[in-house]
C-alpha atoms as a PDB file:
ATOM      1  CA  MET A   1      -9.460  -8.059 -24.248  1.00  0.00           C
ATOM      2  CA  ARG A   2     -10.362 -11.319 -22.540  1.00  0.00           C
ATOM      3  CA  HIS A   3     -11.044  -9.853 -19.088  1.00  0.00           C
ATOM      4  CA  SER A   4     -12.567  -6.585 -20.223  1.00  0.00           C
ATOM      5  CA  ALA A   5     -16.207  -7.627 -20.387  1.00  0.00           C
ATOM      6  CA  ALA A   6     -16.123  -9.224 -16.940  1.00  0.00           C
ATOM      7  CA  VAL A   7     -14.749  -6.058 -15.403  1.00  0.00           C
ATOM      8  CA  TRP A   8     -17.304  -3.804 -17.055  1.00  0.00           C
ATOM      9  CA  ASP A   9     -20.172  -6.123 -16.097  1.00  0.00           C
ATOM     10  CA  TYR A  10     -19.561  -5.440 -12.436  1.00  0.00           C
ATOM     11  CA  ARG A  11     -17.713  -2.146 -12.330  1.00  0.00           C
ATOM     12  CA  ALA A  12     -18.869   0.280 -14.987  1.00  0.00           C
ATOM     13  CA  ALA A  13     -16.261   2.953 -14.161  1.00  0.00           C
ATOM     14  CA  THR A  14     -13.353   0.582 -14.829  1.00  0.00           C
ATOM     15  CA  GLU A  15     -11.278   0.463 -17.995  1.00  0.00           C
ATOM     16  CA  ILE A  16      -8.366  -1.681 -19.154  1.00  0.00           C
ATOM     17  CA  THR A  17      -5.674   0.149 -21.103  1.00  0.00           C
ATOM     18  CA  LYS A  18      -1.936  -0.156 -21.702  1.00  0.00           C
ATOM     19  CA  ASP A  19       0.715   2.017 -20.103  1.00  0.00           C
ATOM     20  CA  TRP A  20       3.718   3.599 -21.866  1.00  0.00           C
ATOM     21  CA  ASN A  21       5.505   0.209 -21.830  1.00  0.00           C
ATOM     22  CA  GLY A  22       2.544  -1.627 -23.338  1.00  0.00           C
ATOM     23  CA  ILE A  23       1.768  -3.285 -19.991  1.00  0.00           C
ATOM     24  CA  ASP A  24      -1.886  -3.833 -19.124  1.00  0.00           C
ATOM     25  CA  GLN A  25      -3.248  -1.496 -16.472  1.00  0.00           C
ATOM     26  CA  VAL A  26      -6.677  -0.920 -14.974  1.00  0.00           C
ATOM     27  CA  VAL A  27      -7.963   2.645 -14.678  1.00  0.00           C
ATOM     28  CA  LEU A  28     -10.645   3.363 -12.078  1.00  0.00           C
ATOM     29  CA  ARG A  29     -12.692   6.573 -12.129  1.00  0.00           C
ATOM     30  CA  ASN A  30     -15.415   7.963  -9.893  1.00  0.00           C
ATOM     31  CA  PRO A  31     -18.220  10.373 -10.876  1.00  0.00           C
ATOM     32  CA  GLN A  32     -16.339  13.361  -9.441  1.00  0.00           C
ATOM     33  CA  GLY A  33     -13.332  12.806 -11.701  1.00  0.00           C
ATOM     34  CA  ALA A  34     -10.876  11.144  -9.299  1.00  0.00           C
ATOM     35  CA  SER A  35      -8.858   8.254 -10.729  1.00  0.00           C
ATOM     36  CA  VAL A  36      -6.596   5.336  -9.824  1.00  0.00           C
ATOM     37  CA  LYS A  37      -4.256   3.352 -12.073  1.00  0.00           C
ATOM     38  CA  VAL A  38      -3.328  -0.234 -11.198  1.00  0.00           C
ATOM     39  CA  SER A  39      -0.671  -2.075 -13.180  1.00  0.00           C
ATOM     40  CA  LEU A  40      -1.054  -5.807 -13.745  1.00  0.00           C
ATOM     41  CA  GLN A  41       2.747  -5.850 -13.479  1.00  0.00           C
ATOM     42  CA  GLY A  42       3.148  -6.320  -9.726  1.00  0.00           C
ATOM     43  CA  GLY A  43      -0.435  -5.369  -8.884  1.00  0.00           C
ATOM     44  CA  GLN A  44       1.098  -1.946  -8.197  1.00  0.00           C
ATOM     45  CA  ILE A  45      -0.885   1.253  -7.719  1.00  0.00           C
ATOM     46  CA  THR A  46       0.916   3.656 -10.036  1.00  0.00           C
ATOM     47  CA  SER A  47      -1.358   6.690  -9.698  1.00  0.00           C
ATOM     48  CA  TRP A  48      -4.078   8.114  -7.444  1.00  0.00           C
ATOM     49  CA  ARG A  49      -5.501  11.498  -8.423  1.00  0.00           C
ATOM     50  CA  ASN A  50      -8.197  13.609  -6.814  1.00  0.00           C
ATOM     51  CA  GLU A  51     -11.075  15.278  -8.670  1.00  0.00           C
ATOM     52  CA  HIS A  52      -8.780  18.212  -9.543  1.00  0.00           C
ATOM     53  CA  GLY A  53      -6.272  15.899 -11.228  1.00  0.00           C
ATOM     54  CA  GLU A  54      -3.676  16.326  -8.470  1.00  0.00           C
ATOM     55  CA  GLU A  55      -1.429  13.287  -7.973  1.00  0.00           C
ATOM     56  CA  LEU A  56      -1.653  11.963  -4.410  1.00  0.00           C
ATOM     57  CA  LEU A  57       1.171   9.382  -4.596  1.00  0.00           C
ATOM     58  CA  PHE A  58       4.885   9.956  -5.067  1.00  0.00           C
ATOM     59  CA  THR A  59       6.836   8.423  -7.934  1.00  0.00           C
ATOM     60  CA  SER A  60      10.508   9.165  -8.448  1.00  0.00           C
ATOM     61  CA  SER A  61      11.444  11.107 -11.572  1.00  0.00           C
ATOM     62  CA  LYS A  62      14.153   8.463 -12.062  1.00  0.00           C
ATOM     63  CA  ALA A  63      11.874   5.479 -11.508  1.00  0.00           C
ATOM     64  CA  ILE A  64      12.586   2.607 -13.886  1.00  0.00           C
ATOM     65  CA  PHE A  65       9.396   1.437 -15.586  1.00  0.00           C
ATOM     66  CA  LYS A  66      10.678  -1.879 -16.835  1.00  0.00           C
ATOM     67  CA  PRO A  67       9.476  -5.374 -15.870  1.00  0.00           C
ATOM     68  CA  PRO A  68      10.033  -7.515 -14.002  1.00  0.00           C
ATOM     69  CA  LYS A  69      11.060  -5.067 -11.251  1.00  0.00           C
ATOM     70  CA  SER A  70       8.557  -2.797  -9.551  1.00  0.00           C
ATOM     71  CA  MET A  71       8.970   0.941  -9.983  1.00  0.00           C
ATOM     72  CA  ARG A  72      10.020   3.260  -7.173  1.00  0.00           C
ATOM     73  CA  GLY A  73       6.807   4.918  -6.143  1.00  0.00           C
ATOM     74  CA  GLY A  74       3.065   4.450  -5.861  1.00  0.00           C
ATOM     75  CA  ILE A  75       1.960   1.525  -3.689  1.00  0.00           C
ATOM     76  CA  SER A  76       3.550  -1.886  -4.143  1.00  0.00           C
ATOM     77  CA  ILE A  77       2.503  -5.181  -2.559  1.00  0.00           C
ATOM     78  CA  CYS A  78       5.223  -6.752  -0.400  1.00  0.00           C
ATOM     79  CA  PHE A  79       4.620 -10.505  -0.048  1.00  0.00           C
ATOM     80  CA  PRO A  80       5.604 -13.082   1.209  1.00  0.00           C
ATOM     81  CA  GLN A  81       8.200 -10.998   3.016  1.00  0.00           C
ATOM     82  CA  PHE A  82       8.837  -7.371   3.862  1.00  0.00           C
ATOM     83  CA  GLY A  83      12.506  -6.509   3.745  1.00  0.00           C
ATOM     84  CA  ASN A  84      15.398  -8.637   2.625  1.00  0.00           C
ATOM     85  CA  CYS A  85      16.271 -12.054   3.978  1.00  0.00           C
ATOM     86  CA  GLY A  86      16.984 -15.537   2.695  1.00  0.00           C
ATOM     87  CA  SER A  87      16.737 -16.451  -0.978  1.00  0.00           C
ATOM     88  CA  LEU A  88      13.602 -14.412  -1.721  1.00  0.00           C
ATOM     89  CA  GLU A  89      13.643 -11.128  -3.596  1.00  0.00           C
ATOM     90  CA  HIS A  90      13.740  -7.888  -1.605  1.00  0.00           C
ATOM     91  CA  HIS A  91      10.207  -7.238  -0.277  1.00  0.00           C
ATOM     92  CA  GLY A  92       9.096 -10.574  -1.753  1.00  0.00           C
ATOM     93  CA  PHE A  93       8.185 -11.546  -5.287  1.00  0.00           C
ATOM     94  CA  ALA A  94       4.526 -10.423  -5.521  1.00  0.00           C
ATOM     95  CA  ARG A  95       5.429  -6.908  -6.650  1.00  0.00           C
ATOM     96  CA  ASN A  96       7.588  -8.281  -9.487  1.00  0.00           C
ATOM     97  CA  ARG A  97       5.099 -10.745 -10.972  1.00  0.00           C
ATOM     98  CA  ASN A  98       2.312 -10.503 -13.525  1.00  0.00           C
ATOM     99  CA  TRP A  99      -1.137 -10.472 -11.945  1.00  0.00           C
ATOM    100  CA  THR A 100      -4.443 -11.284 -13.622  1.00  0.00           C
ATOM    101  CA  ILE A 101      -7.919  -9.895 -13.189  1.00  0.00           C
ATOM    102  CA  ASP A 102      -9.817 -12.135 -10.789  1.00  0.00           C
ATOM    103  CA  GLU A 103     -12.564 -14.087 -12.575  1.00  0.00           C
ATOM    104  CA  ASN A 104     -14.151 -15.124  -9.260  1.00  0.00           C
ATOM    105  CA  PRO A 105     -13.776 -12.163  -6.897  1.00  0.00           C
ATOM    106  CA  PRO A 106     -15.134 -12.100  -3.346  1.00  0.00           C
ATOM    107  CA  PRO A 107     -18.814 -11.102  -3.329  1.00  0.00           C
ATOM    108  CA  LEU A 108     -19.700  -7.428  -3.200  1.00  0.00           C
ATOM    109  CA  HIS A 109     -22.820  -6.300  -1.372  1.00  0.00           C
ATOM    110  CA  PRO A 110     -25.003  -4.125  -3.667  1.00  0.00           C
ATOM    111  CA  ASN A 111     -25.040  -1.311  -1.094  1.00  0.00           C
ATOM    112  CA  ASP A 112     -21.226  -1.226  -1.101  1.00  0.00           C
ATOM    113  CA  SER A 113     -20.887  -0.450  -4.812  1.00  0.00           C
ATOM    114  CA  HIS A 114     -22.669   2.912  -4.968  1.00  0.00           C
ATOM    115  CA  GLY A 115     -20.447   5.560  -6.556  1.00  0.00           C
ATOM    116  CA  LYS A 116     -17.364   3.345  -6.341  1.00  0.00           C
ATOM    117  CA  SER A 117     -15.042   1.930  -8.946  1.00  0.00           C
ATOM    118  CA  ILE A 118     -13.584  -1.484  -8.134  1.00  0.00           C
ATOM    119  CA  VAL A 119     -11.206  -4.021  -9.623  1.00  0.00           C
ATOM    120  CA  ASP A 120     -10.129  -7.408  -8.256  1.00  0.00           C
ATOM    121  CA  LEU A 121      -6.701  -8.847  -9.080  1.00  0.00           C
ATOM    122  CA  LEU A 122      -5.283 -12.314  -8.468  1.00  0.00           C
ATOM    123  CA  LEU A 123      -1.784 -13.729  -8.060  1.00  0.00           C
ATOM    124  CA  LYS A 124      -0.869 -17.412  -7.860  1.00  0.00           C
ATOM    125  CA  PRO A 125       2.673 -18.806  -7.552  1.00  0.00           C
ATOM    126  CA  SER A 126       4.574 -19.846 -10.647  1.00  0.00           C
ATOM    127  CA  GLU A 127       6.624 -23.037 -10.767  1.00  0.00           C
ATOM    128  CA  GLU A 128       9.728 -20.894 -10.325  1.00  0.00           C
ATOM    129  CA  ASP A 129       8.236 -19.218  -7.239  1.00  0.00           C
ATOM    130  CA  LEU A 130       7.510 -22.603  -5.700  1.00  0.00           C
ATOM    131  CA  LYS A 131      11.180 -23.556  -5.973  1.00  0.00           C
ATOM    132  CA  PHE A 132      12.157 -20.697  -3.656  1.00  0.00           C
ATOM    133  CA  TRP A 133       8.988 -20.525  -1.552  1.00  0.00           C
ATOM    134  CA  PRO A 134       7.273 -23.943  -1.711  1.00  0.00           C
ATOM    135  CA  HIS A 135       3.785 -22.903  -0.625  1.00  0.00           C
ATOM    136  CA  SER A 136       0.665 -22.824  -2.769  1.00  0.00           C
ATOM    137  CA  PHE A 137      -1.401 -19.685  -2.209  1.00  0.00           C
ATOM    138  CA  GLU A 138      -3.930 -17.352  -3.754  1.00  0.00           C
ATOM    139  CA  LEU A 139      -3.346 -13.629  -3.203  1.00  0.00           C
ATOM    140  CA  ARG A 140      -6.329 -11.486  -4.065  1.00  0.00           C
ATOM    141  CA  LEU A 141      -6.211  -7.697  -4.159  1.00  0.00           C
ATOM    142  CA  ARG A 142      -9.339  -5.565  -4.319  1.00  0.00           C
ATOM    143  CA  VAL A 143      -8.736  -1.916  -5.244  1.00  0.00           C
ATOM    144  CA  VAL A 144     -11.566   0.497  -4.495  1.00  0.00           C
ATOM    145  CA  LEU A 145     -11.876   4.148  -5.520  1.00  0.00           C
ATOM    146  CA  ALA A 146     -14.712   5.536  -3.395  1.00  0.00           C
ATOM    147  CA  ALA A 147     -17.245   8.185  -4.377  1.00  0.00           C
ATOM    148  CA  ASP A 148     -15.453  10.659  -2.093  1.00  0.00           C
ATOM    149  CA  GLY A 149     -12.066   9.899  -3.699  1.00  0.00           C
ATOM    150  CA  ASP A 150     -10.682   7.708  -0.902  1.00  0.00           C
ATOM    151  CA  LEU A 151      -8.503   4.761  -1.934  1.00  0.00           C
ATOM    152  CA  ALA A 152      -8.975   1.362  -0.275  1.00  0.00           C
ATOM    153  CA  LEU A 153      -6.899  -1.790  -0.763  1.00  0.00           C
ATOM    154  CA  ILE A 154      -8.030  -5.170   0.527  1.00  0.00           C
ATOM    155  CA  ALA A 155      -5.551  -8.060   0.259  1.00  0.00           C
ATOM    156  CA  ARG A 156      -6.601 -11.636   0.956  1.00  0.00           C
ATOM    157  CA  VAL A 157      -4.103 -14.485   1.206  1.00  0.00           C
ATOM    158  CA  ARG A 158      -5.491 -18.036   1.153  1.00  0.00           C
ATOM    159  CA  ASN A 159      -3.496 -21.164   1.944  1.00  0.00           C
ATOM    160  CA  VAL A 160      -4.300 -23.761  -0.716  1.00  0.00           C
ATOM    161  CA  ASN A 161      -1.321 -25.797   0.453  1.00  0.00           C
ATOM    162  CA  GLY A 162      -1.366 -29.153   2.183  1.00  0.00           C
ATOM    163  CA  LYS A 163       0.661 -27.732   5.066  1.00  0.00           C
ATOM    164  CA  PRO A 164       0.817 -24.517   7.134  1.00  0.00           C
ATOM    165  CA  PHE A 165       2.933 -21.580   6.074  1.00  0.00           C
ATOM    166  CA  SER A 166       3.794 -18.122   7.398  1.00  0.00           C
ATOM    167  CA  PHE A 167       4.506 -14.810   5.694  1.00  0.00           C
ATOM    168  CA  SER A 168       4.927 -11.095   6.255  1.00  0.00           C
ATOM    169  CA  PHE A 169       3.129  -8.425   4.266  1.00  0.00           C
ATOM    170  CA  GLY A 170       3.204  -4.708   3.592  1.00  0.00           C
ATOM    171  CA  TYR A 171       1.607  -2.003   1.471  1.00  0.00           C
ATOM    172  CA  HIS A 172       4.744  -0.058   0.476  1.00  0.00           C
ATOM    173  CA  THR A 173       3.181   3.404   0.151  1.00  0.00           C
ATOM    174  CA  TYR A 174       5.014   6.469  -1.194  1.00  0.00           C
ATOM    175  CA  LEU A 175       3.399   9.767  -0.204  1.00  0.00           C
ATOM    176  CA  PRO A 176       4.377  13.141  -1.703  1.00  0.00           C
ATOM    177  CA  VAL A 177       5.140  15.924   0.785  1.00  0.00           C
ATOM    178  CA  SER A 178       6.058  19.570   0.293  1.00  0.00           C
ATOM    179  CA  ASP A 179       9.070  19.517   2.658  1.00  0.00           C
ATOM    180  CA  ILE A 180      10.071  16.489   4.752  1.00  0.00           C
ATOM    181  CA  SER A 181      11.397  18.746   7.526  1.00  0.00           C
ATOM    182  CA  GLU A 182       7.887  20.211   7.942  1.00  0.00           C
ATOM    183  CA  VAL A 183       6.030  16.898   8.104  1.00  0.00           C
ATOM    184  CA  ARG A 184       4.861  15.126  11.261  1.00  0.00           C
ATOM    185  CA  ILE A 185       3.187  11.780  11.857  1.00  0.00           C
ATOM    186  CA  GLU A 186       0.680  11.503  14.685  1.00  0.00           C
ATOM    187  CA  GLY A 187      -0.600   8.276  16.196  1.00  0.00           C
ATOM    188  CA  LEU A 188       2.725   6.454  16.700  1.00  0.00           C
ATOM    189  CA  GLU A 189       3.908   8.291  19.816  1.00  0.00           C
ATOM    190  CA  THR A 190       4.906   6.155  22.854  1.00  0.00           C
ATOM    191  CA  LEU A 191       5.100   3.000  20.694  1.00  0.00           C
ATOM    192  CA  ASP A 192       8.001   0.578  20.535  1.00  0.00           C
ATOM    193  CA  PHE A 193       9.792   0.364  17.199  1.00  0.00           C
ATOM    194  CA  LEU A 194      12.503  -1.705  15.532  1.00  0.00           C
ATOM    195  CA  ASP A 195      15.226   0.492  14.056  1.00  0.00           C
ATOM    196  CA  ASN A 196      16.577  -0.972  10.816  1.00  0.00           C
ATOM    197  CA  LEU A 197      19.473   1.470  10.989  1.00  0.00           C
ATOM    198  CA  CYS A 198      20.581  -0.128  14.279  1.00  0.00           C
ATOM    199  CA  GLN A 199      20.370  -3.867  13.462  1.00  0.00           C
ATOM    200  CA  ARG A 200      16.640  -3.877  14.276  1.00  0.00           C
ATOM    201  CA  GLU A 201      17.269  -2.904  17.897  1.00  0.00           C
ATOM    202  CA  ARG A 202      14.093  -2.132  19.813  1.00  0.00           C
ATOM    203  CA  PHE A 203      13.421   1.390  21.127  1.00  0.00           C
ATOM    204  CA  THR A 204      10.463   3.345  22.475  1.00  0.00           C
ATOM    205  CA  GLU A 205       9.289   6.486  20.691  1.00  0.00           C
ATOM    206  CA  GLN A 206       9.807   9.496  22.955  1.00  0.00           C
ATOM    207  CA  GLY A 207       8.440  12.335  20.815  1.00  0.00           C
ATOM    208  CA  ASP A 208       4.883  13.621  20.820  1.00  0.00           C
ATOM    209  CA  ALA A 209       4.932  13.084  17.032  1.00  0.00           C
ATOM    210  CA  ILE A 210       7.324  11.665  14.436  1.00  0.00           C
ATOM    211  CA  THR A 211       9.388  14.363  12.716  1.00  0.00           C
ATOM    212  CA  PHE A 212      12.341  14.132  10.316  1.00  0.00           C
ATOM    213  CA  GLU A 213      15.899  15.424  10.577  1.00  0.00           C
ATOM    214  CA  SER A 214      17.843  12.480   9.134  1.00  0.00           C
ATOM    215  CA  GLU A 215      17.430   9.062   7.531  1.00  0.00           C
ATOM    216  CA  MET A 216      14.676   6.955   9.078  1.00  0.00           C
ATOM    217  CA  ASP A 217      13.821   3.278   8.640  1.00  0.00           C
ATOM    218  CA  ARG A 218      11.617   2.024  11.470  1.00  0.00           C
ATOM    219  CA  VAL A 219       8.944  -0.563  12.119  1.00  0.00           C
ATOM    220  CA  TYR A 220       6.465   0.727  14.699  1.00  0.00           C
ATOM    221  CA  LEU A 221       4.843  -2.172  16.548  1.00  0.00           C
ATOM    222  CA  SER A 222       1.280  -2.822  17.711  1.00  0.00           C
ATOM    223  CA  SER A 223       0.179   0.465  16.191  1.00  0.00           C
ATOM    224  CA  PRO A 224      -3.341   1.939  16.239  1.00  0.00           C
ATOM    225  CA  ASN A 225      -5.567   1.395  13.232  1.00  0.00           C
ATOM    226  CA  VAL A 226      -5.566   5.100  12.334  1.00  0.00           C
ATOM    227  CA  ILE A 227      -2.599   7.437  11.962  1.00  0.00           C
ATOM    228  CA  ALA A 228      -2.184  10.870  10.372  1.00  0.00           C
ATOM    229  CA  VAL A 229       0.576  12.348   8.204  1.00  0.00           C
ATOM    230  CA  LEU A 230       0.408  16.148   8.478  1.00  0.00           C
ATOM    231  CA  ASP A 231       1.920  18.303   5.727  1.00  0.00           C
ATOM    232  CA  HIS A 232       1.875  21.830   7.164  1.00  0.00           C
ATOM    233  CA  GLU A 233       3.053  23.682   4.074  1.00  0.00           C
ATOM    234  CA  ARG A 234       0.533  22.004   1.798  1.00  0.00           C
ATOM    235  CA  LYS A 235      -2.188  22.355   4.444  1.00  0.00           C
ATOM    236  CA  ARG A 236      -3.337  18.778   4.066  1.00  0.00           C
ATOM    237  CA  THR A 237      -3.241  15.545   5.996  1.00  0.00           C
ATOM    238  CA  TYR A 238      -3.116  11.951   4.831  1.00  0.00           C
ATOM    239  CA  VAL A 239      -5.205   9.731   7.073  1.00  0.00           C
ATOM    240  CA  VAL A 240      -4.072   6.094   7.000  1.00  0.00           C
ATOM    241  CA  ARG A 241      -6.602   3.528   8.231  1.00  0.00           C
ATOM    242  CA  LYS A 242      -5.778  -0.143   8.419  1.00  0.00           C
ATOM    243  CA  GLU A 243      -7.005  -3.489   9.685  1.00  0.00           C
ATOM    244  CA  GLY A 244      -5.121  -6.765  10.057  1.00  0.00           C
ATOM    245  CA  LEU A 245      -1.849  -4.824   9.790  1.00  0.00           C
ATOM    246  CA  PRO A 246      -0.423  -4.288  13.294  1.00  0.00           C
ATOM    247  CA  ASP A 247       2.817  -2.591  12.219  1.00  0.00           C
ATOM    248  CA  VAL A 248       3.680   0.672  10.468  1.00  0.00           C
ATOM    249  CA  VAL A 249       6.923   1.152   8.544  1.00  0.00           C
ATOM    250  CA  VAL A 250       8.229   4.732   8.306  1.00  0.00           C
ATOM    251  CA  TRP A 251      11.017   5.327   5.781  1.00  0.00           C
ATOM    252  CA  ASN A 252      12.903   8.242   4.300  1.00  0.00           C
ATOM    253  CA  PRO A 253      16.354   7.618   2.742  1.00  0.00           C
ATOM    254  CA  TRP A 254      17.714  11.150   3.326  1.00  0.00           C
ATOM    255  CA  GLU A 255      20.631  12.585   1.397  1.00  0.00           C
ATOM    256  CA  LYS A 256      23.382   9.944   1.435  1.00  0.00           C
ATOM    257  CA  LYS A 257      21.226   6.949   0.539  1.00  0.00           C
ATOM    258  CA  SER A 258      19.309   8.955  -2.074  1.00  0.00           C
ATOM    259  CA  LYS A 259      22.529   9.573  -3.977  1.00  0.00           C
ATOM    260  CA  ALA A 260      23.337   5.856  -3.887  1.00  0.00           C
ATOM    261  CA  MET A 261      20.048   4.766  -5.505  1.00  0.00           C
ATOM    262  CA  THR A 262      20.026   4.721  -9.308  1.00  0.00           C
ATOM    263  CA  ASP A 263      16.228   4.977  -9.528  1.00  0.00           C
ATOM    264  CA  PHE A 264      15.843   7.900  -7.118  1.00  0.00           C
ATOM    265  CA  GLY A 265      16.720  11.582  -7.483  1.00  0.00           C
ATOM    266  CA  ASP A 266      19.452  13.044  -5.254  1.00  0.00           C
ATOM    267  CA  GLU A 267      17.101  15.643  -3.741  1.00  0.00           C
ATOM    268  CA  GLU A 268      13.826  13.750  -3.884  1.00  0.00           C
ATOM    269  CA  TYR A 269      14.015  12.614  -0.264  1.00  0.00           C
ATOM    270  CA  LYS A 270      12.870  16.136   0.623  1.00  0.00           C
ATOM    271  CA  HIS A 271       9.531  15.575  -1.084  1.00  0.00           C
ATOM    272  CA  MET A 272       8.507  12.019  -0.177  1.00  0.00           C
ATOM    273  CA  LEU A 273       7.779   9.748   2.718  1.00  0.00           C
ATOM    274  CA  CYS A 274       6.899   6.063   2.966  1.00  0.00           C
ATOM    275  CA  VAL A 275       4.281   5.113   5.549  1.00  0.00           C
ATOM    276  CA  ASP A 276       3.390   1.432   5.174  1.00  0.00           C
ATOM    277  CA  GLY A 277       0.677  -0.595   6.837  1.00  0.00           C
ATOM    278  CA  ALA A 278       2.319  -3.962   7.439  1.00  0.00           C
ATOM    279  CA  ALA A 279       2.483  -7.272   9.310  1.00  0.00           C
ATOM    280  CA  ILE A 280       6.180  -7.837  10.020  1.00  0.00           C
ATOM    281  CA  GLU A 281       7.184  -8.479  13.634  1.00  0.00           C
ATOM    282  CA  ARG A 282       4.846 -11.441  14.043  1.00  0.00           C
ATOM    283  CA  PRO A 283       4.469 -13.314  10.735  1.00  0.00           C
ATOM    284  CA  VAL A 284       0.984 -14.351   9.720  1.00  0.00           C
ATOM    285  CA  ASN A 285       0.440 -18.100  10.103  1.00  0.00           C
ATOM    286  CA  LEU A 286      -2.108 -19.867   7.903  1.00  0.00           C
ATOM    287  CA  LYS A 287      -3.245 -23.454   8.165  1.00  0.00           C
ATOM    288  CA  PRO A 288      -4.479 -25.251   5.029  1.00  0.00           C
ATOM    289  CA  GLY A 289      -7.683 -23.622   3.822  1.00  0.00           C
ATOM    290  CA  GLU A 290      -7.337 -20.557   6.054  1.00  0.00           C
ATOM    291  CA  GLU A 291      -7.437 -16.986   4.761  1.00  0.00           C
ATOM    292  CA  TRP A 292      -5.946 -13.723   6.052  1.00  0.00           C
ATOM    293  CA  THR A 293      -7.172 -10.241   5.179  1.00  0.00           C
ATOM    294  CA  GLY A 294      -5.245  -6.969   5.422  1.00  0.00           C
ATOM    295  CA  ARG A 295      -7.022  -3.692   4.687  1.00  0.00           C
ATOM    296  CA  LEU A 296      -5.630  -0.233   4.018  1.00  0.00           C
ATOM    297  CA  LYS A 297      -7.516   2.992   3.329  1.00  0.00           C
ATOM    298  CA  LEU A 298      -6.043   6.358   2.417  1.00  0.00           C
ATOM    299  CA  SER A 299      -7.886   9.649   2.746  1.00  0.00           C
ATOM    300  CA  VAL A 300      -6.785  13.246   2.238  1.00  0.00           C
ATOM    301  CA  VAL A 301      -8.330  15.894   4.496  1.00  0.00           C
ATOM    302  CA  PRO A 302      -7.578  19.546   5.408  1.00  0.00           C
ATOM    303  CA  SER A 303      -4.577  20.038   7.688  1.00  0.00           C
ATOM    304  CA  SER A 304      -6.778  20.934  10.672  1.00  0.00           C
ATOM    305  CA  PHE A 305      -7.091  17.172  11.167  1.00  0.00           C
ATOM    306  CA  CYS A 306      -4.925  15.934  14.040  1.00  0.00           C
ATOM    307  CA  SER A 307      -4.581  12.901  16.259  1.00  0.00           C
ATOM    308  CA  GLU A 308      -7.165  14.210  18.720  1.00  0.00           C
ATOM    309  CA  HIS A 309      -9.798  13.363  16.121  1.00  0.00           C
ATOM    310  CA  LEU A 310      -8.493   9.918  15.194  1.00  0.00           C
ATOM    311  CA  ASP A 311     -10.886   7.860  17.309  1.00  0.00           C
ATOM    312  CA  LEU A 312     -13.864   9.938  16.205  1.00  0.00           C
ATOM    313  CA  GLN A 313     -12.920   9.632  12.559  1.00  0.00           C
ATOM    314  CA  ARG A 314     -12.398   5.896  12.910  1.00  0.00           C
ATOM    315  CA  THR A 315     -15.858   5.480  14.460  1.00  0.00           C
ATOM    316  CA  GLU A 316     -17.491   7.543  11.730  1.00  0.00           C
ATOM    317  CA  LYS A 317     -15.738   5.733   8.885  1.00  0.00           C
ATOM    318  CA  ARG A 318     -15.551   2.161  10.112  1.00  0.00           C
ATOM    319  CA  GLY A 319     -18.795   0.972   8.578  1.00  0.00           C
ATOM    320  CA  HIS A 320     -18.028   2.933   5.428  1.00  0.00           C
ATOM    321  CA  TRP A 321     -15.251   0.649   4.216  1.00  0.00           C
ATOM    322  CA  MET A 322     -14.540  -2.380   6.398  1.00  0.00           C
ATOM    323  CA  SER A 323     -17.238  -4.422   4.656  1.00  0.00           C
ATOM    324  CA  ILE A 324     -15.896  -3.838   1.114  1.00  0.00           C
END
């Protein structure tokens, strides 16, 4: 395949295959046996497994795996908008387009590549995209599977236009949970949020953690760079680290909306949760030639992890991934 040699030259644990629909996908593996699958359709992360082969992302059993629409699950790239407004597609068009492997990726320091598997993808606007969103850009996505099994995503948007433009962005991340009623999110307490179920009215979080008893669709504003999703029954915690992404979207459709979605099981809301690093409230503004970077890193740790350790963990890990 045309891109295959270039990928293997730089990232020996990377393989290009085809999925069940015949769509090109990149498979990353680390020495311990963890893996990540990235579809060139939408630049979507379709799978992230630990060294035991356990899937760490949620995908609906009724997900529709048919281009050009993204599937319900994994991690999809929402650009140039998050949500639904104007003439653009819901959550933007990036997740519904064909990406290519980047022939000229950002440089990688030799010390950063040890034990990691990496692929760089690239999206440029089509002529059709420019009719609806008349801004020339380059969107680069670096996907990194670390030696310890952590998953990092680094998106870079460059303005190659002759005029400024603005956009919103989000990593739409579906996490599997044992029981949504037993899950709590720590790190968002006391923050203001926009409630999409109340015409985006602004409220202040009053709880000491986020818990779930009904449908939730919120944008938490000016959030810390580290939050934790605790799954008590499964005795594990997802740690979400981010940079350049001030907002966090928390979404669960609950029973009524689940039954209304054709690509989502009626009872699946009990076993999933979306926690998205995003830039929504204040759109990103880029002048010609400028570039924006948004980083997300996902880790899975034992459930003893809690928000009291967030700052310590952030200090310990910061140098480990921010330079990728």
